[in-house]
Amino acid sequence: MQNEGRKQLLHLVFGGELVDLEGTEFRDLDNIDIVGVFPDYASAHQAWKAKALATVDNAHMRYFVAHLHRLLDPAETGK
């Protein structure tokens, strides 16, 4: 197993075009780009950065990292 011995802290990377540069409302929910689910923050950040850099010419395009492990176990602080 790839993450043997380490606690799995799932992260979701997703993005899309925003309605307003100051907000987080997506222009078209049918076109949300689900990049993937990653076993740790480091790999999620790497995927987020690659997508963010690839879409830098579109000012309305934003990517986010969601800490799924916090949703699955709210008592978990990620330490």
Protein backbone atom coordinates (compact mmCIF):
# COMPACT_ATOMS: atom_id res chain seq x y z
CA MET A 1 0.00 0.00 0.00
CA GLN A 2 1.32 3.42 -0.97
CA ASN A 3 0.54 5.31 2.28
CA GLU A 4 1.29 2.48 4.68
CA GLY A 5 2.09 3.79 8.14
CA ARG A 6 0.73 7.28 7.46
CA LYS A 7 -2.71 8.55 8.32
CA GLN A 8 -4.80 9.25 5.23
CA LEU A 9 -5.99 12.88 5.09
CA LEU A 10 -8.15 13.14 1.98
CA HIS A 11 -8.22 16.37 -0.03
CA LEU A 12 -10.35 17.30 -3.04
CA VAL A 13 -9.07 19.65 -5.76
CA PHE A 14 -11.72 21.30 -7.92
CA GLY A 15 -12.34 24.53 -9.78
CA GLY A 16 -14.21 26.47 -12.39
CA GLU A 17 -15.10 29.92 -13.60
CA LEU A 18 -16.41 32.29 -10.95
CA VAL A 19 -19.26 34.77 -11.38
CA ASP A 20 -17.34 37.46 -9.49
CA LEU A 21 -13.61 37.70 -8.80
CA GLU A 22 -14.35 38.59 -5.18
CA GLY A 23 -16.64 35.62 -4.51
CA THR A 24 -16.74 31.85 -4.67
CA GLU A 25 -19.94 31.34 -6.70
CA PHE A 26 -19.34 29.30 -9.85
CA ARG A 27 -20.65 30.52 -13.20
CA ASP A 28 -21.71 27.05 -14.42
CA LEU A 29 -21.99 24.16 -11.96
CA ASP A 30 -22.25 21.66 -14.84
CA ASN A 31 -18.69 22.57 -15.84
CA ILE A 32 -16.93 22.27 -12.47
CA ASP A 33 -13.53 20.68 -13.02
CA ILE A 34 -13.03 17.89 -10.48
CA VAL A 35 -9.27 17.40 -10.58
CA GLY A 36 -9.27 14.55 -8.08
CA VAL A 37 -9.06 13.27 -4.53
CA PHE A 38 -5.59 13.10 -3.00
CA PRO A 39 -4.28 11.25 0.08
CA ASP A 40 -2.47 14.25 1.60
CA TYR A 41 -2.22 18.02 1.36
CA ALA A 42 1.16 17.99 -0.41
CA SER A 43 -0.09 16.03 -3.40
CA ALA A 44 -3.35 18.05 -3.48
CA HIS A 45 -1.37 21.28 -3.45
CA GLN A 46 0.79 20.04 -6.32
CA ALA A 47 -2.33 19.26 -8.40
CA TRP A 48 -3.94 22.60 -7.45
CA LYS A 49 -0.82 24.52 -8.46
CA ALA A 50 -0.59 22.75 -11.83
CA LYS A 51 -4.24 23.58 -12.64
CA ALA A 52 -3.95 27.15 -11.37
CA LEU A 53 -0.87 27.79 -13.51
CA ALA A 54 -2.47 26.17 -16.57
CA THR A 55 -5.46 28.53 -16.33
CA VAL A 56 -3.64 31.72 -15.33
CA ASP A 57 -4.83 33.53 -18.49
CA ASN A 58 -8.48 33.26 -17.39
CA ALA A 59 -8.95 35.67 -14.48
CA HIS A 60 -12.31 34.13 -13.54
CA MET A 61 -10.97 30.57 -13.26
CA ARG A 62 -10.19 29.48 -9.70
CA TYR A 63 -9.16 26.18 -8.14
CA PHE A 64 -9.63 25.17 -4.53
CA VAL A 65 -8.39 22.51 -2.13
CA ALA A 66 -11.11 21.10 0.14
CA HIS A 67 -10.04 19.23 3.26
CA LEU A 68 -12.32 16.19 2.99
CA HIS A 69 -10.82 14.62 6.09
CA ARG A 70 -12.25 17.49 8.14
CA LEU A 71 -15.73 16.80 6.75
CA LEU A 72 -15.42 13.08 7.42
CA ASP A 73 -14.13 13.59 10.97
CA PRO A 74 -14.84 17.13 12.25
CA ALA A 75 -13.01 16.42 15.50
CA GLU A 76 -9.80 15.75 13.55
CA THR A 77 -7.51 18.79 13.45
CA GLY A 78 -5.12 17.41 10.82
CA LYS A 79 -2.14 17.22 13.16
